[in-house]
Protein backbone atom coordinates (compact mmCIF):
# COMPACT_ATOMS: atom_id res chain seq x y z
CA MET A 1 0.00 -0.03 0.04
CA ARG A 2 1.39 3.49 -0.84
CA SER A 3 1.76 6.21 1.70
CA THR A 4 -0.56 9.14 1.27
CA ASP A 5 2.34 11.42 0.60
CA VAL A 6 3.50 9.31 -2.49
CA VAL A 7 -0.15 9.21 -3.85
CA ARG A 8 -0.46 12.96 -3.14
CA ARG A 9 2.63 13.74 -5.17
CA ARG A 10 1.34 11.57 -8.03
CA CYS A 11 -1.96 13.41 -8.07
CA ILE A 12 -0.63 16.91 -7.64
CA ALA A 13 2.26 16.84 -10.08
CA PRO A 14 0.05 16.32 -13.13
CA LEU A 15 -2.39 18.88 -11.88
CA VAL A 16 0.34 21.53 -11.39
CA ALA A 17 1.71 20.77 -14.86
CA LEU A 18 -1.72 21.04 -16.43
CA LEU A 19 -2.41 24.37 -14.61
CA VAL A 20 0.86 25.86 -15.96
CA ALA A 21 0.11 24.53 -19.45
CA ILE A 22 -3.36 26.11 -19.31
CA ALA A 23 -1.97 29.38 -18.11
CA ILE A 24 0.71 29.39 -20.96
CA GLY A 25 -1.98 28.51 -23.63
CA GLY A 26 -4.45 31.00 -22.17
CA CYS A 27 -1.83 33.81 -22.03
CA GLY A 28 -0.96 33.55 -25.70
CA GLY A 29 2.18 31.38 -25.01
CA ASP A 30 1.65 29.50 -28.32
CA ARG A 31 1.18 31.62 -31.41
CA SER A 32 1.24 28.65 -33.72
CA GLY A 33 -2.36 28.93 -34.77
CA GLY A 34 -3.19 25.60 -33.17
CA ALA A 35 -0.14 23.67 -34.40
CA ALA A 36 1.65 22.06 -31.50
CA ARG A 37 5.35 22.92 -31.31
CA PRO A 38 8.18 20.45 -30.60
CA ALA A 39 10.94 21.41 -28.21
CA GLY A 40 12.97 22.71 -31.18
CA GLY A 41 10.26 25.34 -31.84
CA GLU A 42 9.16 24.26 -35.44
CA PRO A 43 5.59 23.37 -35.94
CA ALA A 44 4.90 19.62 -35.77
CA GLY A 45 1.34 19.83 -36.97
CA GLY A 46 -1.88 19.78 -35.21
CA ASP A 47 -5.53 19.19 -35.94
CA SER A 48 -7.91 21.82 -37.22
CA ALA A 49 -9.53 22.08 -33.84
CA GLY A 50 -6.38 23.36 -32.27
CA SER A 51 -5.85 20.45 -29.92
CA ASP A 52 -3.16 17.78 -29.97
CA ALA A 53 -3.73 15.31 -32.71
CA GLU A 54 -4.04 11.61 -31.91
CA ALA A 55 -1.22 10.24 -34.09
CA GLY A 56 1.42 7.67 -34.17
CA PRO A 57 4.98 8.13 -32.97
CA ALA A 58 6.82 11.17 -34.25
CA PRO A 59 10.25 10.99 -35.81
CA LEU A 60 13.08 11.44 -33.39
CA GLY A 61 13.45 15.01 -32.33
CA GLN A 62 10.07 15.88 -33.69
CA VAL A 63 7.72 15.16 -30.73
CA GLY A 64 5.05 17.95 -30.75
CA SER A 65 2.77 16.75 -27.89
CA ALA A 66 1.95 13.93 -25.48
CA ALA A 67 -0.12 12.43 -28.26
CA ASP A 68 3.19 11.47 -30.00
CA LEU A 69 3.91 9.19 -27.13
CA TRP A 70 0.41 7.97 -26.54
CA VAL A 71 0.00 4.22 -27.09
CA PHE A 72 -3.02 3.38 -24.99
CA PRO A 73 -6.34 1.76 -26.30
CA PHE A 74 -8.20 4.82 -25.29
CA THR A 75 -7.88 8.55 -26.26
CA MET A 76 -6.47 11.34 -24.17
CA ALA A 77 -10.14 12.47 -23.79
CA ALA A 78 -11.52 9.08 -22.64
CA ALA A 79 -14.18 8.80 -20.05
CA ARG A 80 -13.74 6.58 -17.02
CA ASP A 81 -15.86 3.81 -18.61
CA GLU A 82 -13.73 3.79 -21.66
CA VAL A 83 -10.50 3.42 -19.60
CA ARG A 84 -12.14 0.60 -17.56
CA ASP A 85 -13.30 -1.17 -20.75
CA ALA A 86 -9.71 -0.94 -22.15
CA LEU A 87 -7.83 -1.78 -18.96
CA GLY A 88 -10.13 -3.59 -16.67
CA GLU A 89 -10.74 -2.87 -13.06
CA PRO A 90 -7.86 -1.02 -11.33
CA ILE A 91 -5.87 -2.77 -8.66
CA GLY A 92 -6.02 0.37 -6.43
CA SER A 93 -8.08 3.60 -6.34
CA GLU A 94 -7.92 6.81 -4.43
CA THR A 95 -9.98 9.92 -4.50
CA ARG A 96 -8.45 13.18 -3.25
CA ARG A 97 -9.33 16.82 -2.90
CA GLU A 98 -6.48 19.28 -2.46
CA ASP A 99 -8.49 21.33 0.07
CA ALA A 100 -10.65 19.07 2.24
CA ARG A 101 -12.86 21.97 3.13
CA SER A 102 -13.68 22.78 -0.59
CA SER A 103 -16.53 21.29 -2.42
CA GLY A 104 -14.76 21.55 -5.87
CA PRO A 105 -13.44 18.71 -8.17
CA GLU A 106 -11.38 15.88 -6.85
CA ALA A 107 -8.49 13.93 -8.33
CA LEU A 108 -9.33 10.29 -8.73
CA THR A 109 -6.42 7.87 -9.35
CA TRP A 110 -6.65 4.43 -10.69
CA GLU A 111 -3.59 2.12 -10.42
CA TYR A 112 -2.89 -0.63 -12.92
CA PRO A 113 0.36 -2.60 -13.36
CA GLY A 114 2.92 -0.09 -14.56
CA LEU A 115 0.32 2.76 -14.94
CA ILE A 116 -1.52 5.26 -12.71
CA VAL A 117 -4.39 6.94 -14.47
CA THR A 118 -5.73 10.23 -13.01
CA PHE A 119 -9.15 11.77 -13.60
CA LEU A 120 -10.75 15.08 -12.50
CA VAL A 121 -14.12 14.24 -11.11
CA GLY A 122 -17.01 16.23 -9.56
CA THR A 123 -16.52 19.18 -11.92
CA SER A 124 -19.10 21.99 -12.17
CA ASP A 125 -20.34 20.82 -15.49
CA GLY A 126 -20.83 17.32 -14.12
CA ASP A 127 -18.28 15.64 -16.47
CA ASP A 128 -15.15 13.71 -15.41
CA TYR A 129 -11.87 14.26 -17.32
CA LEU A 130 -8.95 12.05 -17.86
CA ILE A 131 -6.04 14.30 -17.05
CA SER A 132 -2.95 12.17 -17.01
CA VAL A 133 -1.45 8.70 -17.36
CA ARG A 134 1.74 8.02 -15.44
CA VAL A 135 3.89 5.16 -16.78
CA THR A 136 6.14 3.64 -14.16
CA ASP A 137 7.17 0.28 -15.75
CA PRO A 138 9.55 -0.38 -18.60
CA SER A 139 7.19 -2.97 -20.01
CA VAL A 140 4.81 -0.20 -21.06
CA THR A 141 6.29 0.83 -24.44
CA LEU A 142 5.65 4.51 -25.42
CA GLY A 143 5.87 6.12 -28.80
CA SER A 144 8.92 7.90 -30.21
CA GLY A 145 11.25 5.59 -28.39
CA ILE A 146 10.63 6.93 -24.91
CA ALA A 147 10.76 4.34 -22.19
CA VAL A 148 10.99 4.15 -18.45
CA GLY A 149 14.51 3.00 -17.46
CA MET A 150 16.25 4.63 -20.45
CA PRO A 151 19.08 7.13 -19.83
CA VAL A 152 17.81 10.74 -19.37
CA ASP A 153 20.33 11.84 -22.08
CA ASP A 154 18.58 9.55 -24.57
CA ALA A 155 15.14 11.02 -23.67
CA LEU A 156 16.63 14.52 -24.16
CA ALA A 157 17.89 13.51 -27.60
CA ILE A 158 14.43 12.54 -28.50
CA LEU A 159 12.40 15.36 -26.84
CA GLY A 160 14.88 18.25 -27.05
CA ASP A 161 15.35 20.88 -24.38
CA PRO A 162 12.53 20.96 -21.74
CA GLN A 163 10.89 24.08 -20.44
CA VAL A 164 11.44 22.93 -16.90
CA ASN A 165 14.60 21.06 -16.00
CA ASP A 166 15.60 20.18 -12.48
CA ASP A 167 17.20 17.28 -10.58
CA ARG A 168 13.87 15.51 -10.41
CA SER A 169 12.03 16.13 -13.63
CA LEU A 170 12.07 17.45 -17.20
CA VAL A 171 8.78 19.06 -18.24
CA TYR A 172 7.63 19.86 -21.73
CA PHE A 173 4.69 22.13 -22.25
CA TYR A 174 2.70 22.01 -25.51
CA ARG A 175 -0.49 23.86 -26.44
CA ALA A 176 -2.92 21.20 -25.17
CA SER A 177 -0.64 18.59 -23.32
CA THR A 178 2.43 18.15 -21.22
CA ILE A 179 5.09 15.48 -20.92
CA GLU A 180 6.90 15.08 -17.73
CA ILE A 181 9.95 12.89 -17.45
CA VAL A 182 10.58 11.92 -13.81
CA VAL A 183 14.35 11.55 -13.31
CA ASP A 184 16.13 9.23 -10.78
CA ALA A 185 19.88 8.57 -10.89
CA GLY A 186 20.25 9.69 -14.47
CA ARG A 187 17.56 7.43 -15.80
CA VAL A 188 13.79 7.95 -16.61
CA ALA A 189 11.88 6.71 -13.56
CA ALA A 190 8.46 7.55 -14.86
CA VAL A 191 6.72 9.35 -17.76
CA VAL A 192 3.59 11.51 -17.20
CA LEU A 193 1.45 12.24 -20.16
CA ALA A 194 -1.13 14.92 -19.40
CA ARG A 195 -3.57 16.87 -21.35
CA ALA A 196 -5.08 20.31 -20.68
CA LEU A 197 -8.64 20.39 -19.53
CA PRO A 198 -11.37 21.38 -22.01
């Protein structure tokens, strides 16, 4: 069983990354006209709706969104039922609200072997939103060659320079998604693929 602090960090990190991505997108941080931008700054393409396209792996050095790493049998906008249909019942579940005195949305995490899926539930519009998938096991193969356990230098060669780079993580912000590479001893310890909320 995980301690509350570990689960709290796993819930909060994707939420913080999403809030920053929303703020960047809302403040005009991306002037590409809807095209996602890879770390190198050149447009990698996007769909006409201005959100990340659901596409296969991008060429090395041309990752333009979390969708380029996405390999799951559900979309980044999947409902809880779709995730359950694809992955089955979770082996663990926790619901958490940042402020226990608040009546706002909660973060719901479902744990699967090698994956932690996080939803935002209890929103004002009554919908639940998939907000992130955290990959923690090398057996879960991602697109573009990114994998848990690989050297961080190899991940940097694929993804380019991150917008946030510290001893614990590399974070890449795109117009409608983020990629967080969790670092431990020079290797990728986990990969968090998150999307901006609608």
